[in-house]
């Protein structure tokens, strides 16, 4: 009887590992999220543009960390609402994140960025609910995602290039 719990736990652990592995090895016609993000940042840098970041909650903290790392690489980066944030303009890139789907602040920041000609990358876990998704005109054929399955429900991270 003592081996039964161990063998069922081992089987469960194996099932979890197989599911995680299948997510990362599944073929897709869309480029990986990280590739799109790096390409957009590199394109902004080649245009001598600045990179602006804005996120809500923990995502905001991670985007601030990204901003700091990009600054260490020599790029001009700014966190929205910092005291020293300059105006956004056409060669610039805004990276915004709103995991649960939509926030009025992200909508407002998007509108300012677009009205000034900047490119926008939107990261969200809910690719069909967010109000800005309807405005996304994705240049590479659709919304790309990479997610982790959990309990039969796949949670995706969507990246949307809004031109």
Protein backbone atom coordinates (compact mmCIF):
# COMPACT_ATOMS: atom_id res chain seq x y z
CA UNK A 1 0.00 0.00 0.00
CA UNK A 2 2.89 2.37 0.67
CA UNK A 3 3.95 2.19 -2.99
CA UNK A 4 0.52 3.12 -4.35
CA UNK A 5 0.68 6.82 -3.38
CA UNK A 6 4.23 7.09 -4.73
CA UNK A 7 3.36 5.46 -8.04
CA UNK A 8 0.24 7.62 -8.49
CA UNK A 9 2.27 10.73 -7.64
CA UNK A 10 4.93 9.63 -10.10
CA UNK A 11 2.31 9.10 -12.80
CA UNK A 12 0.80 12.52 -12.07
CA UNK A 13 4.22 14.19 -12.17
CA UNK A 14 4.96 12.48 -15.48
CA UNK A 15 1.61 13.63 -16.91
CA UNK A 16 2.31 17.23 -15.83
CA UNK A 17 5.79 17.18 -17.38
CA UNK A 18 4.43 15.72 -20.64
CA UNK A 19 1.76 18.41 -20.83
CA UNK A 20 4.27 21.22 -20.22
CA UNK A 21 6.63 19.69 -22.80
CA UNK A 22 3.85 19.49 -25.39
CA UNK A 23 3.14 23.21 -25.00
CA UNK A 24 6.73 24.16 -25.73
CA UNK A 25 7.19 21.71 -28.61
CA UNK A 26 3.84 22.21 -30.35
CA UNK A 27 4.26 23.41 -33.94
CA UNK A 28 2.81 26.82 -34.73
CA UNK A 29 2.67 29.02 -37.79
CA UNK A 30 3.12 32.14 -35.70
CA UNK A 31 6.47 33.45 -34.47
CA UNK A 32 7.21 33.02 -30.76
CA UNK A 33 6.21 35.94 -28.57
CA UNK A 34 9.79 36.62 -27.51
CA UNK A 35 10.96 36.86 -31.14
CA UNK A 36 8.29 39.46 -31.96
CA UNK A 37 9.17 41.43 -28.84
CA UNK A 38 12.91 41.45 -29.63
CA UNK A 39 12.29 42.37 -33.28
CA UNK A 40 10.08 45.32 -32.32
CA UNK A 41 12.58 46.60 -29.74
CA UNK A 42 15.42 46.26 -32.26
CA UNK A 43 13.37 48.08 -34.90
CA UNK A 44 12.66 50.94 -32.48
CA UNK A 45 16.37 51.16 -31.65
CA UNK A 46 17.30 51.24 -35.35
CA UNK A 47 14.85 54.14 -35.85
CA UNK A 48 16.51 55.96 -32.91
CA UNK A 49 13.20 55.61 -31.12
CA UNK A 50 12.54 55.33 -27.43
CA UNK A 51 10.91 52.34 -25.75
CA UNK A 52 8.07 53.13 -23.35
CA UNK A 53 6.60 50.54 -20.98
CA UNK A 54 3.39 50.39 -19.00
CA UNK A 55 1.87 47.53 -17.10
CA UNK A 56 -0.58 46.93 -14.31
CA UNK A 57 0.40 45.25 -11.03
CA UNK A 58 3.09 42.57 -11.17
CA UNK A 59 3.27 42.90 -14.93
CA UNK A 60 4.12 46.57 -14.48
CA UNK A 61 6.99 45.62 -12.19
CA UNK A 62 8.34 43.20 -14.78
CA UNK A 63 8.08 45.80 -17.55
CA UNK A 64 9.95 48.26 -15.35
CA UNK A 65 12.65 45.60 -14.94
CA UNK A 66 12.71 45.15 -18.74
CA UNK A 67 13.05 48.91 -19.14
CA UNK A 68 16.02 48.94 -16.77
CA UNK A 69 17.73 46.11 -18.66
CA UNK A 70 17.17 47.84 -22.00
CA UNK A 71 18.64 51.04 -20.50
CA UNK A 72 21.71 49.04 -19.41
CA UNK A 73 22.05 47.94 -23.05
CA UNK A 74 22.13 51.59 -24.12
CA UNK A 75 18.55 52.04 -25.33
CA UNK A 76 16.44 55.04 -24.44
CA UNK A 77 13.66 53.60 -22.27
CA UNK A 78 11.00 55.14 -20.09
CA UNK A 79 8.28 53.98 -17.73
CA UNK A 80 4.95 55.69 -18.33
CA UNK A 81 4.03 58.07 -15.46
CA UNK A 82 7.63 58.54 -14.29
CA UNK A 83 8.52 62.19 -13.69
CA UNK A 84 11.11 62.22 -16.49
CA UNK A 85 9.02 60.50 -19.21
CA UNK A 86 9.23 62.51 -22.46
CA UNK A 87 6.44 62.71 -25.05
CA UNK A 88 6.02 59.64 -27.26
CA UNK A 89 6.42 60.11 -31.03
CA UNK A 90 6.53 58.26 -34.35
CA UNK A 91 9.85 56.38 -34.07
CA UNK A 92 8.95 55.13 -30.59
CA UNK A 93 7.56 51.85 -29.29
CA UNK A 94 5.07 51.39 -26.45
CA UNK A 95 5.01 48.00 -24.74
CA UNK A 96 1.87 47.72 -22.64
CA UNK A 97 0.64 44.80 -20.60
CA UNK A 98 -2.77 44.08 -19.15
CA UNK A 99 -3.06 40.42 -18.18
CA UNK A 100 -6.74 40.22 -17.27
CA UNK A 101 -7.78 41.90 -20.49
CA UNK A 102 -8.49 45.58 -20.20
CA UNK A 103 -7.87 48.68 -18.15
CA UNK A 104 -8.95 52.23 -18.91
CA UNK A 105 -5.40 53.49 -18.32
CA UNK A 106 -4.02 51.13 -20.98
CA UNK A 107 -6.76 52.27 -23.38
CA UNK A 108 -5.88 55.93 -22.76
CA UNK A 109 -2.12 55.36 -23.10
CA UNK A 110 -2.71 53.42 -26.33
CA UNK A 111 -4.74 56.30 -27.77
CA UNK A 112 -2.00 58.83 -26.95
CA UNK A 113 0.71 56.61 -28.45
CA UNK A 114 -1.26 55.97 -31.64
CA UNK A 115 -2.23 59.62 -32.07
CA UNK A 116 1.49 60.46 -31.95
CA UNK A 117 2.40 57.78 -34.50
CA UNK A 118 4.15 55.30 -32.18
CA UNK A 119 4.04 51.53 -32.59
CA UNK A 120 2.36 49.54 -29.82
CA UNK A 121 2.93 46.02 -28.53
CA UNK A 122 0.21 44.76 -26.24
CA UNK A 123 0.78 41.75 -24.00
CA UNK A 124 -2.30 40.15 -22.47
CA UNK A 125 -3.50 36.77 -21.26
CA UNK A 126 -6.95 37.24 -22.81
CA UNK A 127 -6.50 37.85 -26.50
CA UNK A 128 -10.16 38.10 -27.46
CA UNK A 129 -11.69 40.12 -24.63
CA UNK A 130 -9.50 43.19 -24.47
CA UNK A 131 -10.94 46.33 -26.05
CA UNK A 132 -7.70 47.12 -27.91
CA UNK A 133 -7.54 43.71 -29.58
CA UNK A 134 -10.25 44.85 -31.98
CA UNK A 135 -7.92 47.68 -33.04
CA UNK A 136 -4.95 45.39 -33.62
CA UNK A 137 -3.81 45.10 -37.20
CA UNK A 138 -1.17 42.45 -36.86
CA UNK A 139 1.46 42.54 -39.58
CA UNK A 140 2.60 38.94 -39.25
CA UNK A 141 -0.67 37.16 -39.85
CA UNK A 142 -2.49 37.04 -36.54
CA UNK A 143 -2.14 36.99 -32.82
CA UNK A 144 0.71 34.84 -31.60
CA UNK A 145 0.72 33.00 -28.33
CA UNK A 146 2.63 30.64 -26.15
CA UNK A 147 0.95 29.34 -23.05
CA UNK A 148 1.05 26.75 -20.34
CA UNK A 149 -1.74 24.23 -20.00
CA UNK A 150 -3.03 23.72 -16.49
CA UNK A 151 -5.79 21.33 -15.51
CA UNK A 152 -7.07 21.02 -19.08
CA UNK A 153 -7.41 24.80 -19.52
CA UNK A 154 -4.81 26.50 -21.63
CA UNK A 155 -3.84 29.98 -20.47
CA UNK A 156 -2.16 31.91 -23.25
CA UNK A 157 0.03 34.96 -23.39
CA UNK A 158 -0.99 36.98 -26.41
CA UNK A 159 1.13 39.56 -28.09
CA UNK A 160 -0.50 41.98 -30.45
CA UNK A 161 1.39 44.31 -32.76
CA UNK A 162 -0.81 47.34 -33.18
CA UNK A 163 0.46 49.44 -36.05
